[in-house]
Amino acid sequence: YVCSTWGNNHFKTFDGDIYQFPGVCEYNFVSDCRDTYKEFSVHIQRALNSDGHPEIQYILMKIKDIAIYLKPNLVVVDGRIVKTPYYASGVFIETSEIYTKIYAKLGMVLMWNQQDALMVELDNKFNNHTCGLCGDYNGIQIYNEFIKGDASYNSITFGNMQKINKPTAKCEDPDETQALPSCNEHRDECQNLLTSSAFSDCRLRLNLEMYIQACMQDKCACNGKTDSFCLCSTISEYSRQCSHAGGRPGEWRTESFC
């Protein structure tokens, strides 16, 4: 099972909920949350890049007792910059121009495109043991993330609860009272993009509606700008998730598109 975040602050939990959370603090993306020995944790921080688009600035991981710090084109293990491919005590790190990938023997694979998109795959031995923006991995949507006992949370409240409190951090919590616009005027365009023939092998493997909604939010947020971030980040994620689910997305990028 996979948890991911991409593009315009979209998140997809292990249990399959897709939501948006625009926070720019450091957050617990996914951690082993058992009371006894915690096997791993993954923290992330986003910030707006020069184009005004959110990108992941760094990822901070602990795998058992190893601390790993990732930035674009930089891998630091236990305080030392390392060359990749790197292998030590059950952790393998490889990088290419586009991706950083980490394989941990304890049952985790992390893949980051060094920009906006991060995907973590976890062994099901961690079912019901995780916390963070990826949720609790109990296989049940909404519960324990957005509904707990008698309380219900919106996605902003839920996101703010995952903040790592650092005394020196200067970052504002996003406003929990702001509702997202409906963006329905973009439905047809997004639906056409995601149901193009290139994705015919994907339709039955993924929940198409969730990606259409994410694409609609992207179009709204970009206010008519047609740069590739606004158009392509959710389509790229749909393509990645389709491949991950065993599908074969066709060639959807063209000279003029993405």
C-alpha atoms as a PDB file:
ATOM      1  CA  TYR A   1       0.000   0.000   0.000  1.00  0.00           C
ATOM      2  CA  VAL A   2       1.120   3.476  -0.900  1.00  0.00           C
ATOM      3  CA  CYS A   3       0.807   6.925   0.628  1.00  0.00           C
ATOM      4  CA  SER A   4       1.709   9.877  -1.539  1.00  0.00           C
ATOM      5  CA  THR A   5       1.786  13.638  -1.780  1.00  0.00           C
ATOM      6  CA  TRP A   6       2.171  15.667  -4.960  1.00  0.00           C
ATOM      7  CA  GLY A   7       1.594  18.892  -6.807  1.00  0.00           C
ATOM      8  CA  ASN A   8      -0.634  21.514  -5.291  1.00  0.00           C
ATOM      9  CA  ASN A   9      -0.509  20.147  -1.704  1.00  0.00           C
ATOM     10  CA  HIS A  10      -2.430  16.956  -2.466  1.00  0.00           C
ATOM     11  CA  PHE A  11      -2.168  13.928  -0.175  1.00  0.00           C
ATOM     12  CA  LYS A  12      -3.429  10.377  -0.556  1.00  0.00           C
ATOM     13  CA  THR A  13      -3.460   8.290   2.626  1.00  0.00           C
ATOM     14  CA  PHE A  14      -2.746   4.570   2.818  1.00  0.00           C
ATOM     15  CA  ASP A  15      -6.488   4.056   3.266  1.00  0.00           C
ATOM     16  CA  GLY A  16      -7.247   5.953   0.051  1.00  0.00           C
ATOM     17  CA  ASP A  17      -8.503   9.352   1.215  1.00  0.00           C
ATOM     18  CA  ILE A  18      -7.337  12.216  -1.001  1.00  0.00           C
ATOM     19  CA  TYR A  19      -7.206  15.667   0.572  1.00  0.00           C
ATOM     20  CA  GLN A  20      -5.397  18.991   0.286  1.00  0.00           C
ATOM     21  CA  PHE A  21      -3.252  20.555   2.986  1.00  0.00           C
ATOM     22  CA  PRO A  22      -1.144  23.640   2.230  1.00  0.00           C
ATOM     23  CA  GLY A  23       1.040  23.780   5.365  1.00  0.00           C
ATOM     24  CA  VAL A  24       4.644  25.008   5.137  1.00  0.00           C
ATOM     25  CA  CYS A  25       5.930  23.790   8.522  1.00  0.00           C
ATOM     26  CA  GLU A  26       7.704  20.477   9.126  1.00  0.00           C
ATOM     27  CA  TYR A  27       5.165  17.663   9.390  1.00  0.00           C
ATOM     28  CA  ASN A  28       5.105  14.003  10.260  1.00  0.00           C
ATOM     29  CA  PHE A  29       4.412  12.447   6.839  1.00  0.00           C
ATOM     30  CA  VAL A  30       4.379   8.882   8.122  1.00  0.00           C
ATOM     31  CA  SER A  31       5.833   7.282  11.228  1.00  0.00           C
ATOM     32  CA  ASP A  32       5.614   4.015  13.070  1.00  0.00           C
ATOM     33  CA  CYS A  33       3.535   5.102  16.067  1.00  0.00           C
ATOM     34  CA  ARG A  34       3.690   2.133  18.360  1.00  0.00           C
ATOM     35  CA  ASP A  35       4.427   3.056  21.959  1.00  0.00           C
ATOM     36  CA  THR A  36       7.397   0.774  22.250  1.00  0.00           C
ATOM     37  CA  TYR A  37      10.185   0.832  19.672  1.00  0.00           C
ATOM     38  CA  LYS A  38       9.393   2.996  16.648  1.00  0.00           C
ATOM     39  CA  GLU A  39      11.031   1.529  13.578  1.00  0.00           C
ATOM     40  CA  PHE A  40      10.914   4.572  11.298  1.00  0.00           C
ATOM     41  CA  SER A  41       9.713   8.117  10.754  1.00  0.00           C
ATOM     42  CA  VAL A  42       9.477  10.395   7.697  1.00  0.00           C
ATOM     43  CA  HIS A  43       9.088  14.157   8.094  1.00  0.00           C
ATOM     44  CA  ILE A  44       8.655  16.637   5.238  1.00  0.00           C
ATOM     45  CA  GLN A  45       8.685  20.382   4.754  1.00  0.00           C
ATOM     46  CA  ARG A  46       7.263  22.241   1.790  1.00  0.00           C
ATOM     47  CA  ALA A  47       7.831  25.817   0.677  1.00  0.00           C
ATOM     48  CA  LEU A  48       6.859  27.847  -2.366  1.00  0.00           C
ATOM     49  CA  ASN A  49       9.476  27.887  -5.117  1.00  0.00           C
ATOM     50  CA  SER A  50      10.305  30.889  -7.301  1.00  0.00           C
ATOM     51  CA  ASP A  51       7.266  30.171  -9.503  1.00  0.00           C
ATOM     52  CA  GLY A  52       5.017  30.267  -6.457  1.00  0.00           C
ATOM     53  CA  HIS A  53       4.399  26.498  -6.552  1.00  0.00           C
ATOM     54  CA  PRO A  54       4.770  24.276  -3.480  1.00  0.00           C
ATOM     55  CA  GLU A  55       7.773  21.954  -3.513  1.00  0.00           C
ATOM     56  CA  ILE A  56       9.209  19.634  -0.899  1.00  0.00           C
ATOM     57  CA  GLN A  57      12.302  21.372   0.473  1.00  0.00           C
ATOM     58  CA  TYR A  58      13.610  18.467   2.490  1.00  0.00           C
ATOM     59  CA  ILE A  59      12.752  15.033   3.857  1.00  0.00           C
ATOM     60  CA  LEU A  60      14.009  13.908   7.232  1.00  0.00           C
ATOM     61  CA  MET A  61      13.941  10.175   7.946  1.00  0.00           C
ATOM     62  CA  LYS A  62      14.865   7.868  10.738  1.00  0.00           C
ATOM     63  CA  ILE A  63      15.148   4.187   9.945  1.00  0.00           C
ATOM     64  CA  LYS A  64      15.830   2.336  13.184  1.00  0.00           C
ATOM     65  CA  ASP A  65      18.867   4.312  14.401  1.00  0.00           C
ATOM     66  CA  ILE A  66      19.962   5.827  11.082  1.00  0.00           C
ATOM     67  CA  ALA A  67      19.135   9.475  10.357  1.00  0.00           C
ATOM     68  CA  ILE A  68      18.759  10.398   6.674  1.00  0.00           C
ATOM     69  CA  TYR A  69      18.321  13.930   5.370  1.00  0.00           C
ATOM     70  CA  LEU A  70      17.346  14.466   1.725  1.00  0.00           C
ATOM     71  CA  LYS A  71      17.362  17.616  -0.373  1.00  0.00           C
ATOM     72  CA  PRO A  72      17.396  17.810  -4.165  1.00  0.00           C
ATOM     73  CA  ASN A  73      20.718  16.270  -5.286  1.00  0.00           C
ATOM     74  CA  LEU A  74      21.855  15.785  -1.700  1.00  0.00           C
ATOM     75  CA  VAL A  75      21.822  12.746   0.596  1.00  0.00           C
ATOM     76  CA  VAL A  76      23.093  13.066   4.157  1.00  0.00           C
ATOM     77  CA  VAL A  77      23.341   9.994   6.410  1.00  0.00           C
ATOM     78  CA  ASP A  78      24.062  10.492  10.102  1.00  0.00           C
ATOM     79  CA  GLY A  79      25.445  13.961   9.388  1.00  0.00           C
ATOM     80  CA  ARG A  80      27.730  12.956   6.502  1.00  0.00           C
ATOM     81  CA  ILE A  81      27.109  13.689   2.832  1.00  0.00           C
ATOM     82  CA  VAL A  82      27.170  10.346   1.015  1.00  0.00           C
ATOM     83  CA  LYS A  83      27.540   9.288  -2.599  1.00  0.00           C
ATOM     84  CA  THR A  84      24.892   7.032  -4.102  1.00  0.00           C
ATOM     85  CA  PRO A  85      24.261   4.193  -4.590  1.00  0.00           C
ATOM     86  CA  TYR A  86      24.693   3.876  -0.830  1.00  0.00           C
ATOM     87  CA  TYR A  87      24.158   0.767   1.232  1.00  0.00           C
ATOM     88  CA  ALA A  88      24.398   0.308   4.992  1.00  0.00           C
ATOM     89  CA  SER A  89      22.640  -1.735   7.656  1.00  0.00           C
ATOM     90  CA  GLY A  90      19.496  -2.627   5.793  1.00  0.00           C
ATOM     91  CA  VAL A  91      19.101   0.659   3.898  1.00  0.00           C
ATOM     92  CA  PHE A  92      19.798   1.110   0.174  1.00  0.00           C
ATOM     93  CA  ILE A  93      19.706   4.603  -1.378  1.00  0.00           C
ATOM     94  CA  GLU A  94      19.890   5.278  -5.090  1.00  0.00           C
ATOM     95  CA  THR A  95      19.510   8.524  -7.007  1.00  0.00           C
ATOM     96  CA  SER A  96      19.061   9.518 -10.631  1.00  0.00           C
ATOM     97  CA  GLU A  97      18.598  12.928 -12.190  1.00  0.00           C
ATOM     98  CA  ILE A  98      14.902  12.676 -11.455  1.00  0.00           C
ATOM     99  CA  TYR A  99      14.407  10.421  -8.434  1.00  0.00           C
ATOM    100  CA  THR A 100      15.754   9.613  -5.033  1.00  0.00           C
ATOM    101  CA  LYS A 101      14.758   6.100  -3.941  1.00  0.00           C
ATOM    102  CA  ILE A 102      15.286   4.490  -0.567  1.00  0.00           C
ATOM    103  CA  TYR A 103      14.688   0.816   0.163  1.00  0.00           C
ATOM    104  CA  ALA A 104      14.637  -0.207   3.822  1.00  0.00           C
ATOM    105  CA  LYS A 105      14.757  -3.861   4.775  1.00  0.00           C
ATOM    106  CA  LEU A 106      12.214  -3.305   7.548  1.00  0.00           C
ATOM    107  CA  GLY A 107       9.536  -3.044   4.843  1.00  0.00           C
ATOM    108  CA  MET A 108       9.506   0.397   3.308  1.00  0.00           C
ATOM    109  CA  VAL A 109      10.237   1.985  -0.068  1.00  0.00           C
ATOM    110  CA  LEU A 110      10.396   5.766  -0.485  1.00  0.00           C
ATOM    111  CA  MET A 111      10.469   7.516  -3.843  1.00  0.00           C
ATOM    112  CA  TRP A 112      10.845  11.294  -4.280  1.00  0.00           C
ATOM    113  CA  ASN A 113      11.034  13.145  -7.590  1.00  0.00           C
ATOM    114  CA  GLN A 114      13.188  15.828  -5.867  1.00  0.00           C
ATOM    115  CA  GLN A 115      10.400  18.332  -6.434  1.00  0.00           C
ATOM    116  CA  ASP A 116       6.748  18.023  -5.476  1.00  0.00           C
ATOM    117  CA  ALA A 117       5.991  14.305  -5.424  1.00  0.00           C
ATOM    118  CA  LEU A 118       6.756  11.777  -2.687  1.00  0.00           C
ATOM    119  CA  MET A 119       5.506   8.203  -2.432  1.00  0.00           C
ATOM    120  CA  VAL A 120       6.007   5.794   0.483  1.00  0.00           C
ATOM    121  CA  GLU A 121       5.139   2.122   0.236  1.00  0.00           C
ATOM    122  CA  LEU A 122       4.885   0.157   3.474  1.00  0.00           C
ATOM    123  CA  ASP A 123       4.745  -3.506   4.340  1.00  0.00           C
ATOM    124  CA  ASN A 124       1.361  -4.495   5.739  1.00  0.00           C
ATOM    125  CA  LYS A 125       2.988  -5.478   9.029  1.00  0.00           C
ATOM    126  CA  PHE A 126       2.572  -1.767   9.822  1.00  0.00           C
ATOM    127  CA  ASN A 127      -1.228  -1.952   9.410  1.00  0.00           C
ATOM    128  CA  ASN A 128      -2.916   0.142  12.075  1.00  0.00           C
ATOM    129  CA  HIS A 129       0.466   1.239  13.472  1.00  0.00           C
ATOM    130  CA  THR A 130       1.193   4.433  11.562  1.00  0.00           C
ATOM    131  CA  CYS A 131       0.409   8.089  12.176  1.00  0.00           C
ATOM    132  CA  GLY A 132       1.003  11.348  10.330  1.00  0.00           C
ATOM    133  CA  LEU A 133      -0.359  12.885   7.142  1.00  0.00           C
ATOM    134  CA  CYS A 134      -0.580   9.367   5.661  1.00  0.00           C
ATOM    135  CA  GLY A 135      -3.103   8.268   8.296  1.00  0.00           C
ATOM    136  CA  ASP A 136      -3.263   5.113  10.396  1.00  0.00           C
ATOM    137  CA  TYR A 137      -3.177   2.472   7.613  1.00  0.00           C
ATOM    138  CA  ASN A 138      -6.090   0.506   9.089  1.00  0.00           C
ATOM    139  CA  GLY A 139      -7.786  -0.009   5.714  1.00  0.00           C
ATOM    140  CA  ILE A 140     -10.807   2.100   6.650  1.00  0.00           C
ATOM    141  CA  GLN A 141     -11.264   5.470   4.978  1.00  0.00           C
ATOM    142  CA  ILE A 142     -11.995   8.632   6.989  1.00  0.00           C
ATOM    143  CA  TYR A 143     -12.020   6.929  10.399  1.00  0.00           C
ATOM    144  CA  ASN A 144      -9.270   7.978  12.817  1.00  0.00           C
ATOM    145  CA  GLU A 145      -8.069  10.576  10.312  1.00  0.00           C
ATOM    146  CA  PHE A 146     -11.084  12.823   9.777  1.00  0.00           C
ATOM    147  CA  ILE A 147     -13.463  11.254  12.320  1.00  0.00           C
ATOM    148  CA  LYS A 148     -12.275  10.288  15.793  1.00  0.00           C
ATOM    149  CA  GLY A 149     -14.857   9.225  18.342  1.00  0.00           C
ATOM    150  CA  ASP A 150     -17.456  11.994  18.259  1.00  0.00           C
ATOM    151  CA  ALA A 151     -15.152  14.599  16.728  1.00  0.00           C
ATOM    152  CA  SER A 152     -14.773  15.268  13.026  1.00  0.00           C
ATOM    153  CA  TYR A 153     -11.881  17.211  11.513  1.00  0.00           C
ATOM    154  CA  ASN A 154     -11.473  18.914   8.190  1.00  0.00           C
ATOM    155  CA  SER A 155      -8.297  18.294   6.235  1.00  0.00           C
ATOM    156  CA  ILE A 156      -6.652  21.514   7.451  1.00  0.00           C
ATOM    157  CA  THR A 157      -7.234  20.660  11.118  1.00  0.00           C
ATOM    158  CA  PHE A 158      -5.984  17.135  10.501  1.00  0.00           C
ATOM    159  CA  GLY A 159      -2.864  18.480   8.761  1.00  0.00           C
ATOM    160  CA  ASN A 160      -2.110  21.008  11.477  1.00  0.00           C
ATOM    161  CA  MET A 161      -2.241  18.228  14.052  1.00  0.00           C
ATOM    162  CA  GLN A 162       0.733  16.553  12.311  1.00  0.00           C
ATOM    163  CA  LYS A 163       3.077  19.518  12.794  1.00  0.00           C
ATOM    164  CA  ILE A 164       6.465  18.843  14.357  1.00  0.00           C
ATOM    165  CA  ASN A 165       6.828  21.464  17.050  1.00  0.00           C
ATOM    166  CA  LYS A 166      10.175  23.198  16.740  1.00  0.00           C
ATOM    167  CA  PRO A 167      10.897  26.151  18.988  1.00  0.00           C
ATOM    168  CA  THR A 168      12.750  28.008  16.231  1.00  0.00           C
ATOM    169  CA  ALA A 169      10.303  27.357  13.381  1.00  0.00           C
ATOM    170  CA  LYS A 170       8.719  30.417  11.819  1.00  0.00           C
ATOM    171  CA  CYS A 171       5.662  29.130  10.020  1.00  0.00           C
ATOM    172  CA  GLU A 172       1.960  29.864  10.212  1.00  0.00           C
ATOM    173  CA  ASP A 173      -0.668  27.156  10.496  1.00  0.00           C
ATOM    174  CA  PRO A 174      -3.079  27.264   7.538  1.00  0.00           C
ATOM    175  CA  ASP A 175      -6.510  28.656   8.408  1.00  0.00           C
ATOM    176  CA  GLU A 176      -8.886  25.836   9.369  1.00  0.00           C
ATOM    177  CA  THR A 177     -12.017  27.803   8.499  1.00  0.00           C
ATOM    178  CA  GLN A 178     -11.281  28.245   4.809  1.00  0.00           C
ATOM    179  CA  ALA A 179     -13.334  25.990   2.570  1.00  0.00           C
ATOM    180  CA  LEU A 180     -11.988  24.883  -0.799  1.00  0.00           C
ATOM    181  CA  PRO A 181     -13.784  26.220  -3.888  1.00  0.00           C
ATOM    182  CA  SER A 182     -15.844  23.705  -5.845  1.00  0.00           C
ATOM    183  CA  CYS A 183     -14.075  24.304  -9.190  1.00  0.00           C
ATOM    184  CA  ASN A 184     -16.808  22.529 -11.148  1.00  0.00           C
ATOM    185  CA  GLU A 185     -16.154  24.578 -14.273  1.00  0.00           C
ATOM    186  CA  HIS A 186     -12.978  22.542 -14.778  1.00  0.00           C
ATOM    187  CA  ARG A 187     -14.593  19.109 -14.480  1.00  0.00           C
ATOM    188  CA  ASP A 188     -14.911  18.395 -18.217  1.00  0.00           C
ATOM    189  CA  GLU A 189     -11.340  19.356 -19.009  1.00  0.00           C
ATOM    190  CA  CYS A 190      -9.911  17.259 -16.164  1.00  0.00           C
ATOM    191  CA  GLN A 191     -12.094  14.308 -17.012  1.00  0.00           C
ATOM    192  CA  ASN A 192     -10.981  14.438 -20.650  1.00  0.00           C
ATOM    193  CA  LEU A 193      -7.310  14.564 -19.684  1.00  0.00           C
ATOM    194  CA  LEU A 194      -7.573  11.618 -17.284  1.00  0.00           C
ATOM    195  CA  THR A 195      -9.700   9.427 -19.552  1.00  0.00           C
ATOM    196  CA  SER A 196      -7.558   9.884 -22.656  1.00  0.00           C
ATOM    197  CA  SER A 197      -6.680   6.688 -24.504  1.00  0.00           C
ATOM    198  CA  ALA A 198      -3.189   6.746 -22.946  1.00  0.00           C
ATOM    199  CA  PHE A 199      -4.827   5.845 -19.623  1.00  0.00           C
ATOM    200  CA  SER A 200      -7.206   3.135 -20.826  1.00  0.00           C
ATOM    201  CA  ASP A 201      -5.273   0.548 -18.797  1.00  0.00           C
ATOM    202  CA  CYS A 202      -5.627   2.649 -15.641  1.00  0.00           C
ATOM    203  CA  ARG A 203      -9.330   3.278 -15.355  1.00  0.00           C
ATOM    204  CA  LEU A 204     -10.261   0.092 -13.542  1.00  0.00           C
ATOM    205  CA  ARG A 205      -7.204   0.160 -11.286  1.00  0.00           C
ATOM    206  CA  LEU A 206      -7.650   3.549  -9.634  1.00  0.00           C
ATOM    207  CA  ASN A 207     -10.421   5.719  -8.262  1.00  0.00           C
ATOM    208  CA  LEU A 208     -10.651   8.134 -11.186  1.00  0.00           C
ATOM    209  CA  GLU A 209     -13.000  10.568  -9.439  1.00  0.00           C
ATOM    210  CA  MET A 210     -10.425  11.403  -6.764  1.00  0.00           C
ATOM    211  CA  TYR A 211      -7.873  12.436  -9.367  1.00  0.00           C
ATOM    212  CA  ILE A 212     -10.463  14.436 -11.305  1.00  0.00           C
ATOM    213  CA  GLN A 213     -11.240  16.356  -8.099  1.00  0.00           C
ATOM    214  CA  ALA A 214      -7.527  16.985  -7.460  1.00  0.00           C
ATOM    215  CA  CYS A 215      -7.052  18.199 -11.042  1.00  0.00           C
ATOM    216  CA  MET A 216     -10.053  20.547 -10.661  1.00  0.00           C
ATOM    217  CA  GLN A 217      -8.516  22.034  -7.507  1.00  0.00           C
ATOM    218  CA  ASP A 218      -5.230  22.516  -9.409  1.00  0.00           C
ATOM    219  CA  LYS A 219      -6.971  24.405 -12.208  1.00  0.00           C
ATOM    220  CA  CYS A 220      -8.723  26.663  -9.686  1.00  0.00           C
ATOM    221  CA  ALA A 221      -5.585  27.365  -7.704  1.00  0.00           C
ATOM    222  CA  CYS A 222      -3.676  28.310 -10.833  1.00  0.00           C
ATOM    223  CA  ASN A 223      -6.218  30.935 -11.930  1.00  0.00           C
ATOM    224  CA  GLY A 224      -5.931  30.320 -15.640  1.00  0.00           C
ATOM    225  CA  LYS A 225      -2.126  29.976 -15.670  1.00  0.00           C
ATOM    226  CA  THR A 226      -1.255  27.165 -18.047  1.00  0.00           C
ATOM    227  CA  ASP A 227       2.195  26.272 -16.796  1.00  0.00           C
ATOM    228  CA  SER A 228       3.022  22.607 -16.572  1.00  0.00           C
ATOM    229  CA  PHE A 229       2.746  22.477 -12.766  1.00  0.00           C
ATOM    230  CA  CYS A 230      -0.933  23.430 -12.902  1.00  0.00           C
ATOM    231  CA  LEU A 231      -1.763  20.977 -15.640  1.00  0.00           C
ATOM    232  CA  CYS A 232       0.611  18.102 -15.216  1.00  0.00           C
ATOM    233  CA  SER A 233       1.302  17.318 -11.560  1.00  0.00           C
ATOM    234  CA  THR A 234      -1.944  15.425 -10.900  1.00  0.00           C
ATOM    235  CA  ILE A 235      -1.803  13.682 -14.295  1.00  0.00           C
ATOM    236  CA  SER A 236       1.779  12.624 -13.510  1.00  0.00           C
ATOM    237  CA  GLU A 237       0.628  11.257 -10.155  1.00  0.00           C
ATOM    238  CA  TYR A 238      -2.234   9.360 -11.830  1.00  0.00           C
ATOM    239  CA  SER A 239       0.281   7.870 -14.244  1.00  0.00           C
ATOM    240  CA  ARG A 240       2.699   6.897 -11.416  1.00  0.00           C
ATOM    241  CA  GLN A 241      -0.093   5.321  -9.369  1.00  0.00           C
ATOM    242  CA  CYS A 242      -1.365   3.437 -12.422  1.00  0.00           C
ATOM    243  CA  SER A 243       2.104   1.956 -13.056  1.00  0.00           C
ATOM    244  CA  HIS A 244       2.372   1.095  -9.383  1.00  0.00           C
ATOM    245  CA  ALA A 245      -0.971  -0.741  -9.550  1.00  0.00           C
ATOM    246  CA  GLY A 246       0.355  -2.844 -12.439  1.00  0.00           C
ATOM    247  CA  GLY A 247      -1.155  -0.753 -15.213  1.00  0.00           C
ATOM    248  CA  ARG A 248       0.609   0.447 -18.321  1.00  0.00           C
ATOM    249  CA  PRO A 249      -0.039   4.111 -18.973  1.00  0.00           C
ATOM    250  CA  GLY A 250       0.622   5.071 -22.590  1.00  0.00           C
ATOM    251  CA  GLU A 251       2.678   8.042 -23.749  1.00  0.00           C
ATOM    252  CA  TRP A 252       0.575  11.002 -22.622  1.00  0.00           C
ATOM    253  CA  ARG A 253       3.213  13.738 -22.708  1.00  0.00           C
ATOM    254  CA  THR A 254       3.659  15.566 -26.009  1.00  0.00           C
ATOM    255  CA  GLU A 255       5.923  18.328 -27.314  1.00  0.00           C
ATOM    256  CA  SER A 256       3.237  20.864 -26.476  1.00  0.00           C
ATOM    257  CA  PHE A 257       1.812  19.266 -23.329  1.00  0.00           C
ATOM    258  CA  CYS A 258       3.759  18.645 -20.090  1.00  0.00           C
END
